[in-house]
C-alpha cells in the first residue's frame, strides 16, 4: 500500500508502507531506501 509522509515542513515522500514507529511516525520504502516521517492525512 502506498503512503505519503512529510519530512520537515515541505518535503513529502510517497512509498510502500513498511511499519509504524512508536513515536507515531511511519516508515516507507522507496527502492532500497527507508524513510521515516509524519503521515499525511486524507
PDB file of N, CA and C in Angstrom:
ATOM      1  N   UNK A   1       0.843  -1.163   0.000  1.00  0.00           N
ATOM      2  CA  UNK A   1       0.000   0.000   0.000  1.00  0.00           C
ATOM      3  C   UNK A   1       0.900   1.241   0.000  1.00  0.00           C
ATOM      4  N   UNK A   2       0.622   2.178  -0.873  1.00  0.00           N
ATOM      5  CA  UNK A   2       1.389   3.415  -0.936  1.00  0.00           C
ATOM      6  C   UNK A   2       0.932   4.376   0.147  1.00  0.00           C
ATOM      7  N   UNK A   3       1.895   5.049   0.776  1.00  0.00           N
ATOM      8  CA  UNK A   3       1.601   6.057   1.792  1.00  0.00           C
ATOM      9  C   UNK A   3       2.480   7.270   1.517  1.00  0.00           C
ATOM     10  N   UNK A   4       2.009   8.431   1.914  1.00  0.00           N
ATOM     11  CA  UNK A   4       2.761   9.671   1.766  1.00  0.00           C
ATOM     12  C   UNK A   4       3.127  10.174   3.148  1.00  0.00           C
ATOM     13  N   UNK A   5       4.392  10.589   3.304  1.00  0.00           N
ATOM     14  CA  UNK A   5       4.863  11.126   4.573  1.00  0.00           C
ATOM     15  C   UNK A   5       5.469  12.504   4.349  1.00  0.00           C
ATOM     16  N   UNK A   6       5.520  13.286   5.412  1.00  0.00           N
ATOM     17  CA  UNK A   6       6.194  14.582   5.403  1.00  0.00           C
ATOM     18  C   UNK A   6       7.491  14.467   6.178  1.00  0.00           C
ATOM     19  N   UNK A   7       8.558  14.989   5.581  1.00  0.00           N
ATOM     20  CA  UNK A   7       9.853  15.075   6.249  1.00  0.00           C
ATOM     21  C   UNK A   7      10.171  16.560   6.327  1.00  0.00           C
ATOM     22  N   UNK A   8      10.246  17.078   7.517  1.00  0.00           N
ATOM     23  CA  UNK A   8      10.436  18.514   7.685  1.00  0.00           C
ATOM     24  C   UNK A   8       9.126  19.234   7.426  1.00  0.00           C
ATOM     25  N   UNK A   9       9.211  20.456   6.926  1.00  0.00           N
ATOM     26  CA  UNK A   9       7.998  21.250   6.737  1.00  0.00           C
ATOM     27  C   UNK A   9       7.462  21.212   5.310  1.00  0.00           C
ATOM     28  N   UNK A  10       8.297  20.855   4.323  1.00  0.00           N
ATOM     29  CA  UNK A  10       7.807  20.950   2.945  1.00  0.00           C
ATOM     30  C   UNK A  10       8.258  19.814   2.020  1.00  0.00           C
ATOM     31  N   UNK A  11       8.915  18.798   2.539  1.00  0.00           N
ATOM     32  CA  UNK A  11       9.356  17.679   1.708  1.00  0.00           C
ATOM     33  C   UNK A  11       8.431  16.500   1.952  1.00  0.00           C
ATOM     34  N   UNK A  12       7.792  16.007   0.879  1.00  0.00           N
ATOM     35  CA  UNK A  12       6.929  14.838   1.006  1.00  0.00           C
ATOM     36  C   UNK A  12       7.504  13.699   0.175  1.00  0.00           C
ATOM     37  N   UNK A  13       7.311  12.478   0.676  1.00  0.00           N
ATOM     38  CA  UNK A  13       7.806  11.269   0.010  1.00  0.00           C
ATOM     39  C   UNK A  13       6.673  10.272  -0.036  1.00  0.00           C
ATOM     40  N   UNK A  14       6.504   9.631  -1.194  1.00  0.00           N
ATOM     41  CA  UNK A  14       5.489   8.591  -1.340  1.00  0.00           C
ATOM     42  C   UNK A  14       6.197   7.277  -1.595  1.00  0.00           C
ATOM     43  N   UNK A  15       5.841   6.257  -0.808  1.00  0.00           N
ATOM     44  CA  UNK A  15       6.471   4.959  -0.961  1.00  0.00           C
ATOM     45  C   UNK A  15       5.595   3.860  -0.385  1.00  0.00           C
ATOM     46  N   UNK A  16       6.131   2.661  -0.396  1.00  0.00           N
ATOM     47  CA  UNK A  16       5.412   1.488   0.092  1.00  0.00           C
ATOM     48  C   UNK A  16       5.484   1.467   1.617  1.00  0.00           C
ATOM     49  N   UNK A  17       4.326   1.343   2.262  1.00  0.00           N
ATOM     50  CA  UNK A  17       4.240   1.325   3.724  1.00  0.00           C
ATOM     51  C   UNK A  17       4.996   0.134   4.285  1.00  0.00           C
ATOM     52  N   UNK A  18       5.848   0.377   5.289  1.00  0.00           N
ATOM     53  CA  UNK A  18       6.588  -0.693   5.970  1.00  0.00           C
ATOM     54  C   UNK A  18       6.014  -0.971   7.350  1.00  0.00           C
ATOM     55  N   UNK A  19       6.048   0.050   8.234  1.00  0.00           N
ATOM     56  CA  UNK A  19       5.524  -0.132   9.591  1.00  0.00           C
ATOM     57  C   UNK A  19       5.404   1.220  10.283  1.00  0.00           C
ATOM     58  N   UNK A  20       4.678   1.220  11.412  1.00  0.00           N
ATOM     59  CA  UNK A  20       4.538   2.423  12.224  1.00  0.00           C
ATOM     60  C   UNK A  20       5.514   2.358  13.382  1.00  0.00           C
ATOM     61  N   UNK A  21       6.154   3.474  13.671  1.00  0.00           N
ATOM     62  CA  UNK A  21       7.103   3.549  14.775  1.00  0.00           C
ATOM     63  C   UNK A  21       6.380   3.945  16.057  1.00  0.00           C
ATOM     64  N   UNK A  22       7.007   3.710  17.192  1.00  0.00           N
ATOM     65  CA  UNK A  22       6.404   4.008  18.492  1.00  0.00           C
ATOM     66  C   UNK A  22       6.117   5.497  18.675  1.00  0.00           C
ATOM     67  N   UNK A  23       6.902   6.347  18.031  1.00  0.00           N
ATOM     68  CA  UNK A  23       6.751   7.797  18.194  1.00  0.00           C
ATOM     69  C   UNK A  23       5.620   8.373  17.337  1.00  0.00           C
ATOM     70  N   UNK A  24       4.938   7.524  16.548  1.00  0.00           N
ATOM     71  CA  UNK A  24       3.830   7.992  15.721  1.00  0.00           C
ATOM     72  C   UNK A  24       4.191   8.198  14.265  1.00  0.00           C
ATOM     73  N   UNK A  25       5.475   8.212  13.952  1.00  0.00           N
ATOM     74  CA  UNK A  25       5.895   8.326  12.553  1.00  0.00           C
ATOM     75  C   UNK A  25       5.772   6.962  11.876  1.00  0.00           C
ATOM     76  N   UNK A  26       5.810   6.948  10.537  1.00  0.00           N
ATOM     77  CA  UNK A  26       5.754   5.687   9.811  1.00  0.00           C
ATOM     78  C   UNK A  26       6.960   5.571   8.892  1.00  0.00           C
ATOM     79  N   UNK A  27       7.291   4.346   8.530  1.00  0.00           N
ATOM     80  CA  UNK A  27       8.371   4.066   7.595  1.00  0.00           C
ATOM     81  C   UNK A  27       7.786   3.716   6.240  1.00  0.00           C
ATOM     82  N   UNK A  28       8.369   4.290   5.187  1.00  0.00           N
ATOM     83  CA  UNK A  28       8.013   3.912   3.822  1.00  0.00           C
ATOM     84  C   UNK A  28       9.286   3.531   3.084  1.00  0.00           C
ATOM     85  N   UNK A  29       9.152   2.617   2.138  1.00  0.00           N
ATOM     86  CA  UNK A  29      10.288   2.153   1.342  1.00  0.00           C
ATOM     87  C   UNK A  29      10.181   2.712  -0.074  1.00  0.00           C
ATOM     88  N   UNK A  30      11.291   3.283  -0.534  1.00  0.00           N
ATOM     89  CA  UNK A  30      11.416   3.754  -1.918  1.00  0.00           C
ATOM     90  C   UNK A  30      12.671   3.090  -2.478  1.00  0.00           C
ATOM     91  N   UNK A  31      12.476   2.075  -3.304  1.00  0.00           N
ATOM     92  CA  UNK A  31      13.610   1.299  -3.798  1.00  0.00           C
ATOM     93  C   UNK A  31      14.238   0.551  -2.637  1.00  0.00           C
ATOM     94  N   UNK A  32      15.538   0.784  -2.406  1.00  0.00           N
ATOM     95  CA  UNK A  32      16.250   0.142  -1.303  1.00  0.00           C
ATOM     96  C   UNK A  32      16.310   1.023  -0.062  1.00  0.00           C
ATOM     97  N   UNK A  33      15.739   2.219  -0.113  1.00  0.00           N
ATOM     98  CA  UNK A  33      15.831   3.180   0.980  1.00  0.00           C
ATOM     99  C   UNK A  33      14.571   3.200   1.843  1.00  0.00           C
ATOM    100  N   UNK A  34      14.763   3.384   3.162  1.00  0.00           N
ATOM    101  CA  UNK A  34      13.662   3.554   4.095  1.00  0.00           C
ATOM    102  C   UNK A  34      13.648   5.002   4.579  1.00  0.00           C
ATOM    103  N   UNK A  35      12.465   5.600   4.641  1.00  0.00           N
ATOM    104  CA  UNK A  35      12.315   6.962   5.114  1.00  0.00           C
ATOM    105  C   UNK A  35      11.277   6.969   6.224  1.00  0.00           C
ATOM    106  N   UNK A  36      11.525   7.769   7.267  1.00  0.00           N
ATOM    107  CA  UNK A  36      10.581   7.924   8.374  1.00  0.00           C
ATOM    108  C   UNK A  36      10.053   9.343   8.365  1.00  0.00           C
ATOM    109  N   UNK A  37       8.740   9.482   8.597  1.00  0.00           N
ATOM    110  CA  UNK A  37       8.151  10.809   8.645  1.00  0.00           C
ATOM    111  C   UNK A  37       6.743  10.761   9.166  1.00  0.00           C
ATOM    112  N   UNK A  38       6.125  11.937   9.235  1.00  0.00           N
ATOM    113  CA  UNK A  38       4.755  12.050   9.712  1.00  0.00           C
ATOM    114  C   UNK A  38       3.785  11.700   8.576  1.00  0.00           C
ATOM    115  N   UNK A  39       2.802  10.865   8.836  1.00  0.00           N
ATOM    116  CA  UNK A  39       1.849  10.508   7.778  1.00  0.00           C
ATOM    117  C   UNK A  39       1.000  11.713   7.375  1.00  0.00           C
ATOM    118  N   UNK A  40       0.680  11.789   6.096  1.00  0.00           N
ATOM    119  CA  UNK A  40      -0.173  12.848   5.558  1.00  0.00           C
ATOM    120  C   UNK A  40      -1.620  12.374   5.617  1.00  0.00           C
ATOM    121  N   UNK A  41      -2.499  13.188   6.190  1.00  0.00           N
ATOM    122  CA  UNK A  41      -3.914  12.834   6.265  1.00  0.00           C
ATOM    123  C   UNK A  41      -4.619  12.994   4.924  1.00  0.00           C
ATOM    124  N   UNK A  42      -5.766  12.394   4.821  1.00  0.00           N
ATOM    125  CA  UNK A  42      -6.537  12.450   3.568  1.00  0.00           C
ATOM    126  C   UNK A  42      -7.142  13.827   3.349  1.00  0.00           C
TER     127      UNK A  42
END
